[in-house]
Amino acid sequence: MLTDFLLASLHHLLVFGLVAMLVAESVLLRGSLDRIALQRLAGVDMGYGICAMALIAAGIARVSFGLKGHDFYLHNPWFHAKMGAFVLVGLLSILPTVRFLRWRKALAANPIFVPDAAETARMRGIVRFELILLAAIFVLAAAMARHGGLSL
């Protein structure tokens, strides 16, 4: 029972960490990206990736060792929808990550490098869409926990 509590707590904290890092990326992408902002963006994105990997590990541990057992999850269509949305967020995050790494490399080659405003806006749009999908994941998680039941 303690293991389940600890895994659930870790899982929830990592989800909120993921949201915080995406919000930080969105905020950094709002303004002009100077050297410091580009370095922060690369660091936040690296933290985002680490947090996402830890979240996957915690989620697998919950399915494997949690009180509900793997049958609860594997036979729950809301779980599959939630995982699909999470995979979509992960796939969407590839483009900004690649772009941030490219910007970092360009900054190393040219200390006054500034990304194109249109490209920055595209990355901001992708990050914001990821945040919308994370909100959907919260709704799907609530449905999953209740087997989709909406009884009042």
N, C-alpha and C. Protein backbone atom coordinates (compact mmCIF):
# COMPACT_ATOMS: atom_id res chain seq x y z
N MET A 1 0.83 -1.19 0.00
CA MET A 1 0.00 0.00 0.00
C MET A 1 0.87 1.26 0.00
N LEU A 2 1.96 1.25 0.76
CA LEU A 2 2.87 2.38 0.77
C LEU A 2 3.52 2.55 -0.60
N THR A 3 3.85 1.42 -1.24
CA THR A 3 4.46 1.48 -2.57
C THR A 3 3.51 2.16 -3.54
N ASP A 4 2.24 1.79 -3.51
CA ASP A 4 1.24 2.39 -4.39
C ASP A 4 1.14 3.89 -4.15
N PHE A 5 1.11 4.30 -2.89
CA PHE A 5 1.03 5.71 -2.53
C PHE A 5 2.25 6.47 -3.05
N LEU A 6 3.43 5.91 -2.86
CA LEU A 6 4.67 6.57 -3.31
C LEU A 6 4.73 6.67 -4.83
N LEU A 7 4.33 5.59 -5.51
CA LEU A 7 4.33 5.62 -6.97
C LEU A 7 3.31 6.63 -7.51
N ALA A 8 2.13 6.67 -6.91
CA ALA A 8 1.10 7.62 -7.33
C ALA A 8 1.58 9.06 -7.09
N SER A 9 2.18 9.29 -5.94
CA SER A 9 2.69 10.63 -5.61
C SER A 9 3.76 11.05 -6.60
N LEU A 10 4.71 10.16 -6.86
CA LEU A 10 5.78 10.46 -7.81
C LEU A 10 5.20 10.74 -9.19
N HIS A 11 4.27 9.91 -9.60
CA HIS A 11 3.64 10.07 -10.91
C HIS A 11 2.99 11.44 -11.04
N HIS A 12 2.23 11.84 -10.03
CA HIS A 12 1.55 13.13 -10.06
C HIS A 12 2.55 14.29 -10.04
N LEU A 13 3.56 14.20 -9.22
CA LEU A 13 4.57 15.26 -9.17
C LEU A 13 5.29 15.42 -10.51
N LEU A 14 5.58 14.31 -11.15
CA LEU A 14 6.25 14.38 -12.46
C LEU A 14 5.34 14.97 -13.53
N VAL A 15 4.05 14.67 -13.46
CA VAL A 15 3.11 15.27 -14.42
C VAL A 15 3.10 16.79 -14.25
N PHE A 16 3.03 17.24 -13.00
CA PHE A 16 3.03 18.68 -12.78
C PHE A 16 4.37 19.30 -13.16
N GLY A 17 5.46 18.57 -12.97
CA GLY A 17 6.76 19.05 -13.44
C GLY A 17 6.79 19.21 -14.95
N LEU A 18 6.21 18.25 -15.64
CA LEU A 18 6.14 18.31 -17.10
C LEU A 18 5.35 19.54 -17.54
N VAL A 19 4.23 19.78 -16.91
CA VAL A 19 3.41 20.95 -17.24
C VAL A 19 4.20 22.24 -16.96
N ALA A 20 4.87 22.30 -15.82
CA ALA A 20 5.65 23.49 -15.47
C ALA A 20 6.73 23.78 -16.51
N MET A 21 7.39 22.73 -16.98
CA MET A 21 8.45 22.94 -17.96
C MET A 21 7.90 23.38 -19.31
N LEU A 22 6.76 22.84 -19.70
CA LEU A 22 6.15 23.30 -20.95
C LEU A 22 5.67 24.74 -20.84
N VAL A 23 5.14 25.11 -19.69
CA VAL A 23 4.74 26.51 -19.48
C VAL A 23 5.98 27.40 -19.54
N ALA A 24 7.07 26.98 -18.92
CA ALA A 24 8.32 27.77 -18.97
C ALA A 24 8.80 27.92 -20.41
N GLU A 25 8.72 26.85 -21.20
CA GLU A 25 9.11 26.94 -22.61
C GLU A 25 8.21 27.92 -23.34
N SER A 26 6.92 27.84 -23.11
CA SER A 26 5.97 28.74 -23.76
C SER A 26 6.28 30.20 -23.42
N VAL A 27 6.58 30.46 -22.16
CA VAL A 27 6.91 31.83 -21.72
C VAL A 27 8.21 32.29 -22.37
N LEU A 28 9.21 31.44 -22.38
CA LEU A 28 10.49 31.82 -22.99
C LEU A 28 10.33 32.10 -24.49
N LEU A 29 9.44 31.39 -25.13
CA LEU A 29 9.23 31.58 -26.56
C LEU A 29 8.38 32.81 -26.89
N ARG A 30 7.83 33.47 -25.88
CA ARG A 30 7.02 34.67 -26.10
C ARG A 30 7.82 35.87 -26.53
N GLY A 31 8.96 36.05 -25.92
CA GLY A 31 9.74 37.24 -26.18
C GLY A 31 10.84 36.99 -27.20
N SER A 32 11.72 37.98 -27.29
CA SER A 32 12.86 37.81 -28.19
C SER A 32 13.85 36.85 -27.52
N LEU A 33 14.45 36.02 -28.33
CA LEU A 33 15.35 35.00 -27.81
C LEU A 33 16.80 35.44 -27.94
N ASP A 34 17.31 35.99 -26.86
CA ASP A 34 18.73 36.34 -26.83
C ASP A 34 19.53 35.14 -26.34
N ARG A 35 20.81 35.33 -26.16
CA ARG A 35 21.71 34.24 -25.74
C ARG A 35 21.23 33.57 -24.46
N ILE A 36 20.88 34.35 -23.47
CA ILE A 36 20.46 33.81 -22.16
C ILE A 36 19.15 33.04 -22.31
N ALA A 37 18.20 33.59 -23.04
CA ALA A 37 16.91 32.92 -23.22
C ALA A 37 17.08 31.61 -23.98
N LEU A 38 17.95 31.59 -25.00
CA LEU A 38 18.19 30.36 -25.75
C LEU A 38 18.83 29.29 -24.87
N GLN A 39 19.75 29.70 -24.02
CA GLN A 39 20.39 28.74 -23.11
C GLN A 39 19.38 28.21 -22.10
N ARG A 40 18.54 29.08 -21.58
CA ARG A 40 17.50 28.64 -20.64
C ARG A 40 16.53 27.68 -21.33
N LEU A 41 16.15 28.02 -22.54
CA LEU A 41 15.22 27.19 -23.30
C LEU A 41 15.79 25.79 -23.50
N ALA A 42 17.06 25.71 -23.86
CA ALA A 42 17.70 24.40 -24.04
C ALA A 42 17.75 23.63 -22.72
N GLY A 43 18.03 24.31 -21.63
CA GLY A 43 18.08 23.66 -20.32
C GLY A 43 16.72 23.18 -19.86
N VAL A 44 15.69 24.01 -20.06
CA VAL A 44 14.33 23.62 -19.68
C VAL A 44 13.88 22.44 -20.52
N ASP A 45 14.21 22.45 -21.81
CA ASP A 45 13.80 21.35 -22.67
C ASP A 45 14.50 20.05 -22.28
N MET A 46 15.75 20.15 -21.85
CA MET A 46 16.44 18.95 -21.37
C MET A 46 15.76 18.43 -20.10
N GLY A 47 15.38 19.34 -19.21
CA GLY A 47 14.65 18.95 -18.02
C GLY A 47 13.31 18.33 -18.35
N TYR A 48 12.66 18.86 -19.37
CA TYR A 48 11.39 18.31 -19.85
C TYR A 48 11.57 16.86 -20.30
N GLY A 49 12.62 16.62 -21.06
CA GLY A 49 12.89 15.26 -21.54
C GLY A 49 13.18 14.29 -20.40
N ILE A 50 13.97 14.73 -19.45
CA ILE A 50 14.29 13.89 -18.28
C ILE A 50 13.03 13.61 -17.48
N CYS A 51 12.22 14.64 -17.29
CA CYS A 51 10.96 14.48 -16.55
C CYS A 51 10.02 13.52 -17.27
N ALA A 52 9.95 13.63 -18.60
CA ALA A 52 9.08 12.74 -19.38
C ALA A 52 9.55 11.29 -19.25
N MET A 53 10.85 11.06 -19.29
CA MET A 53 11.37 9.69 -19.15
C MET A 53 11.08 9.14 -17.75
N ALA A 54 11.26 9.98 -16.74
CA ALA A 54 10.96 9.56 -15.37
C ALA A 54 9.47 9.29 -15.21
N LEU A 55 8.63 10.09 -15.87
CA LEU A 55 7.19 9.89 -15.81
C LEU A 55 6.80 8.55 -16.44
N ILE A 56 7.42 8.22 -17.55
CA ILE A 56 7.15 6.92 -18.19
C ILE A 56 7.54 5.79 -17.24
N ALA A 57 8.72 5.91 -16.62
CA ALA A 57 9.17 4.87 -15.68
C ALA A 57 8.22 4.75 -14.50
N ALA A 58 7.79 5.89 -13.96
CA ALA A 58 6.85 5.85 -12.82
C ALA A 58 5.51 5.26 -13.24
N GLY A 59 5.05 5.59 -14.45
CA GLY A 59 3.80 5.03 -14.95
C GLY A 59 3.87 3.53 -15.13
N ILE A 60 4.97 3.05 -15.69
CA ILE A 60 5.15 1.60 -15.85
C ILE A 60 5.18 0.92 -14.48
N ALA A 61 5.85 1.56 -13.53
CA ALA A 61 5.91 1.00 -12.18
C ALA A 61 4.51 0.95 -11.55
N ARG A 62 3.70 1.98 -11.79
CA ARG A 62 2.33 1.98 -11.25
C ARG A 62 1.51 0.84 -11.84
N VAL A 63 1.64 0.65 -13.15
CA VAL A 63 0.90 -0.43 -13.80
C VAL A 63 1.38 -1.78 -13.28
N SER A 64 2.68 -1.92 -13.10
CA SER A 64 3.26 -3.21 -12.71
C SER A 64 3.12 -3.51 -11.22
N PHE A 65 3.29 -2.50 -10.37
CA PHE A 65 3.37 -2.74 -8.93
C PHE A 65 2.27 -2.06 -8.11
N GLY A 66 1.40 -1.29 -8.77
CA GLY A 66 0.35 -0.57 -8.05
C GLY A 66 -0.76 -1.49 -7.60
N LEU A 67 -1.58 -0.99 -6.71
CA LEU A 67 -2.68 -1.79 -6.14
C LEU A 67 -3.73 -2.19 -7.18
N LYS A 68 -3.95 -1.35 -8.16
CA LYS A 68 -5.00 -1.65 -9.14
C LYS A 68 -4.61 -2.80 -10.06
N GLY A 69 -3.34 -3.02 -10.23
CA GLY A 69 -2.88 -4.12 -11.08
C GLY A 69 -2.98 -3.79 -12.56
N HIS A 70 -2.24 -4.53 -13.34
CA HIS A 70 -2.17 -4.22 -14.76
C HIS A 70 -3.49 -4.48 -15.49
N ASP A 71 -4.33 -5.39 -15.01
CA ASP A 71 -5.62 -5.64 -15.66
C ASP A 71 -6.51 -4.39 -15.67
N PHE A 72 -6.47 -3.64 -14.56
CA PHE A 72 -7.26 -2.41 -14.49
C PHE A 72 -6.89 -1.48 -15.65
N TYR A 73 -5.60 -1.34 -15.88
CA TYR A 73 -5.13 -0.41 -16.90
C TYR A 73 -5.31 -0.97 -18.32
N LEU A 74 -4.89 -2.18 -18.52
CA LEU A 74 -4.87 -2.74 -19.86
C LEU A 74 -6.26 -2.99 -20.45
N HIS A 75 -7.27 -3.09 -19.59
CA HIS A 75 -8.64 -3.30 -20.07
C HIS A 75 -9.49 -2.04 -19.97
N ASN A 76 -8.85 -0.93 -19.78
CA ASN A 76 -9.55 0.34 -19.61
C ASN A 76 -9.33 1.20 -20.86
N PRO A 77 -10.38 1.44 -21.66
CA PRO A 77 -10.19 2.23 -22.88
C PRO A 77 -9.72 3.66 -22.63
N TRP A 78 -10.06 4.21 -21.46
CA TRP A 78 -9.62 5.56 -21.13
C TRP A 78 -8.10 5.60 -20.92
N PHE A 79 -7.55 4.52 -20.39
CA PHE A 79 -6.10 4.41 -20.23
C PHE A 79 -5.43 4.45 -21.61
N HIS A 80 -5.99 3.72 -22.56
CA HIS A 80 -5.41 3.69 -23.90
C HIS A 80 -5.52 5.06 -24.57
N ALA A 81 -6.63 5.74 -24.36
CA ALA A 81 -6.78 7.10 -24.90
C ALA A 81 -5.75 8.04 -24.27
N LYS A 82 -5.58 7.90 -22.97
CA LYS A 82 -4.60 8.73 -22.26
C LYS A 82 -3.19 8.46 -22.77
N MET A 83 -2.86 7.19 -22.97
CA MET A 83 -1.53 6.85 -23.49
C MET A 83 -1.34 7.36 -24.92
N GLY A 84 -2.40 7.29 -25.72
CA GLY A 84 -2.34 7.81 -27.08
C GLY A 84 -2.06 9.31 -27.08
N ALA A 85 -2.73 10.04 -26.20
CA ALA A 85 -2.50 11.48 -26.11
C ALA A 85 -1.08 11.77 -25.62
N PHE A 86 -0.59 10.95 -24.69
CA PHE A 86 0.77 11.14 -24.19
C PHE A 86 1.79 10.88 -25.30
N VAL A 87 1.57 9.85 -26.09
CA VAL A 87 2.46 9.56 -27.22
C VAL A 87 2.44 10.73 -28.21
N LEU A 88 1.25 11.28 -28.46
CA LEU A 88 1.15 12.42 -29.36
C LEU A 88 1.93 13.62 -28.83
N VAL A 89 1.84 13.88 -27.54
CA VAL A 89 2.63 14.96 -26.93
C VAL A 89 4.12 14.69 -27.14
N GLY A 90 4.53 13.45 -26.91
CA GLY A 90 5.93 13.10 -27.10
C GLY A 90 6.39 13.29 -28.54
N LEU A 91 5.57 12.88 -29.48
CA LEU A 91 5.93 13.04 -30.89
C LEU A 91 5.98 14.52 -31.28
N LEU A 92 5.03 15.29 -30.78
CA LEU A 92 5.03 16.73 -31.06
C LEU A 92 6.26 17.42 -30.47
N SER A 93 6.74 16.93 -29.35
CA SER A 93 7.87 17.58 -28.68
C SER A 93 9.19 17.38 -29.41
N ILE A 94 9.21 16.45 -30.36
CA ILE A 94 10.46 16.19 -31.08
C ILE A 94 10.89 17.43 -31.87
N LEU A 95 9.95 18.04 -32.58
CA LEU A 95 10.31 19.19 -33.42
C LEU A 95 10.89 20.35 -32.61
N PRO A 96 10.24 20.80 -31.54
CA PRO A 96 10.87 21.87 -30.75
C PRO A 96 12.24 21.46 -30.19
N THR A 97 12.36 20.23 -29.73
CA THR A 97 13.64 19.80 -29.18
C THR A 97 14.74 19.87 -30.23
N VAL A 98 14.46 19.36 -31.42
CA VAL A 98 15.45 19.42 -32.51
C VAL A 98 15.77 20.88 -32.85
N ARG A 99 14.74 21.70 -32.89
CA ARG A 99 14.94 23.12 -33.22
C ARG A 99 15.77 23.82 -32.15
N PHE A 100 15.49 23.55 -30.87
CA PHE A 100 16.25 24.17 -29.79
C PHE A 100 17.72 23.76 -29.85
N LEU A 101 17.95 22.49 -30.15
CA LEU A 101 19.35 22.03 -30.29
C LEU A 101 20.03 22.71 -31.46
N ARG A 102 19.31 22.88 -32.57
CA ARG A 102 19.84 23.58 -33.73
C ARG A 102 20.16 25.03 -33.39
N TRP A 103 19.26 25.67 -32.65
CA TRP A 103 19.48 27.06 -32.24
C TRP A 103 20.70 27.17 -31.33
N ARG A 104 20.82 26.20 -30.44
CA ARG A 104 21.97 26.21 -29.52
C ARG A 104 23.28 26.07 -30.29
N LYS A 105 23.30 25.20 -31.28
CA LYS A 105 24.48 25.02 -32.12
C LYS A 105 24.78 26.30 -32.91
N ALA A 106 23.74 26.93 -33.45
CA ALA A 106 23.92 28.18 -34.18
C ALA A 106 24.45 29.28 -33.27
N LEU A 107 23.98 29.28 -32.04
CA LEU A 107 24.45 30.26 -31.06
C LEU A 107 25.92 30.04 -30.72
N ALA A 108 26.34 28.78 -30.65
CA ALA A 108 27.75 28.49 -30.37
C ALA A 108 28.64 28.96 -31.52
N ALA A 109 28.14 28.86 -32.74
CA ALA A 109 28.91 29.28 -33.92
C ALA A 109 28.87 30.80 -34.11
N ASN A 110 27.76 31.41 -33.68
CA ASN A 110 27.58 32.84 -33.88
C ASN A 110 26.95 33.43 -32.61
N PRO A 111 27.73 34.08 -31.75
CA PRO A 111 27.22 34.58 -30.46
C PRO A 111 26.07 35.59 -30.55
N ILE A 112 25.82 36.14 -31.72
CA ILE A 112 24.70 37.08 -31.85
C ILE A 112 23.52 36.48 -32.62
N PHE A 113 23.53 35.15 -32.75
CA PHE A 113 22.44 34.46 -33.44
C PHE A 113 21.12 34.71 -32.73
N VAL A 114 20.10 34.97 -33.51
CA VAL A 114 18.73 35.10 -33.02
C VAL A 114 17.83 34.33 -33.99
N PRO A 115 17.00 33.42 -33.48
CA PRO A 115 16.11 32.67 -34.37
C PRO A 115 15.10 33.57 -35.07
N ASP A 116 14.67 33.13 -36.21
CA ASP A 116 13.64 33.82 -36.98
C ASP A 116 12.35 33.91 -36.16
N ALA A 117 11.69 35.06 -36.19
CA ALA A 117 10.47 35.28 -35.40
C ALA A 117 9.36 34.30 -35.80
N ALA A 118 9.24 34.02 -37.08
CA ALA A 118 8.19 33.09 -37.53
C ALA A 118 8.46 31.68 -37.02
N GLU A 119 9.72 31.29 -37.02
CA GLU A 119 10.09 29.96 -36.52
C GLU A 119 9.84 29.87 -35.02
N THR A 120 10.17 30.94 -34.32
CA THR A 120 9.91 30.98 -32.88
C THR A 120 8.42 30.87 -32.61
N ALA A 121 7.61 31.56 -33.39
CA ALA A 121 6.15 31.50 -33.22
C ALA A 121 5.62 30.10 -33.49
N ARG A 122 6.18 29.42 -34.50
CA ARG A 122 5.75 28.04 -34.78
C ARG A 122 6.06 27.12 -33.59
N MET A 123 7.25 27.28 -33.01
CA MET A 123 7.62 26.45 -31.87
C MET A 123 6.73 26.76 -30.67
N ARG A 124 6.41 28.03 -30.48
CA ARG A 124 5.50 28.42 -29.39
C ARG A 124 4.13 27.78 -29.60
N GLY A 125 3.65 27.76 -30.83
CA GLY A 125 2.36 27.14 -31.13
C GLY A 125 2.37 25.65 -30.83
N ILE A 126 3.44 24.97 -31.17
CA ILE A 126 3.55 23.54 -30.90
C ILE A 126 3.55 23.29 -29.40
N VAL A 127 4.34 24.07 -28.66
CA VAL A 127 4.41 23.90 -27.20
C VAL A 127 3.04 24.16 -26.57
N ARG A 128 2.35 25.15 -27.05
CA ARG A 128 1.02 25.44 -26.49
C ARG A 128 0.02 24.33 -26.82
N PHE A 129 0.14 23.75 -28.01
CA PHE A 129 -0.73 22.63 -28.35
C PHE A 129 -0.41 21.43 -27.45
N GLU A 130 0.86 21.23 -27.13
CA GLU A 130 1.23 20.17 -26.19
C GLU A 130 0.56 20.40 -24.84
N LEU A 131 0.49 21.64 -24.40
CA LEU A 131 -0.16 21.96 -23.13
C LEU A 131 -1.66 21.65 -23.19
N ILE A 132 -2.29 21.93 -24.31
CA ILE A 132 -3.70 21.60 -24.48
C ILE A 132 -3.90 20.08 -24.39
N LEU A 133 -3.01 19.34 -25.04
CA LEU A 133 -3.10 17.88 -24.98
C LEU A 133 -2.87 17.36 -23.56
N LEU A 134 -1.97 18.00 -22.82
CA LEU A 134 -1.77 17.60 -21.42
C LEU A 134 -3.04 17.84 -20.60
N ALA A 135 -3.76 18.92 -20.89
CA ALA A 135 -5.03 19.16 -20.20
C ALA A 135 -6.01 18.04 -20.53
N ALA A 136 -6.02 17.61 -21.79
CA ALA A 136 -6.88 16.48 -22.17
C ALA A 136 -6.47 15.21 -21.43
N ILE A 137 -5.18 15.04 -21.21
CA ILE A 137 -4.69 13.86 -20.47
C ILE A 137 -5.23 13.87 -19.04
N PHE A 138 -5.31 15.04 -18.42
CA PHE A 138 -5.88 15.13 -17.07
C PHE A 138 -7.34 14.67 -17.08
N VAL A 139 -8.10 15.08 -18.08
CA VAL A 139 -9.50 14.68 -18.19
C VAL A 139 -9.60 13.17 -18.43
N LEU A 140 -8.76 12.66 -19.32
CA LEU A 140 -8.77 11.21 -19.59
C LEU A 140 -8.36 10.42 -18.35
N ALA A 141 -7.43 10.95 -17.56
CA ALA A 141 -7.02 10.27 -16.32
C ALA A 141 -8.19 10.18 -15.34
N ALA A 142 -8.97 11.26 -15.25
CA ALA A 142 -10.14 11.23 -14.36
C ALA A 142 -11.15 10.21 -14.84
N ALA A 143 -11.37 10.16 -16.16
CA ALA A 143 -12.29 9.16 -16.71
C ALA A 143 -11.75 7.76 -16.49
N MET A 144 -10.45 7.58 -16.65
CA MET A 144 -9.83 6.28 -16.46
C MET A 144 -10.02 5.78 -15.02
N ALA A 145 -9.82 6.67 -14.07
CA ALA A 145 -9.93 6.28 -12.67
C ALA A 145 -11.35 5.86 -12.30
N ARG A 146 -12.31 6.34 -13.08
CA ARG A 146 -13.73 6.03 -12.81
C ARG A 146 -14.30 5.11 -13.87
N HIS A 147 -13.43 4.51 -14.67
CA HIS A 147 -13.88 3.65 -15.79
C HIS A 147 -14.83 4.38 -16.71
N GLY A 148 -14.66 5.69 -16.80
CA GLY A 148 -15.49 6.49 -17.69
C GLY A 148 -16.87 6.78 -17.14
N GLY A 149 -17.16 6.31 -15.95
CA GLY A 149 -18.49 6.50 -15.37
C GLY A 149 -18.76 7.95 -15.02
N LEU A 150 -19.94 8.40 -15.34
CA LEU A 150 -20.31 9.77 -15.05
C LEU A 150 -21.50 9.82 -14.09
N SER A 151 -21.65 8.79 -13.28
CA SER A 151 -22.80 8.77 -12.37
C SER A 151 -22.64 9.85 -11.32
N LEU A 152 -23.76 10.46 -10.99
CA LEU A 152 -23.74 11.58 -10.04
C LEU A 152 -24.11 11.12 -8.69
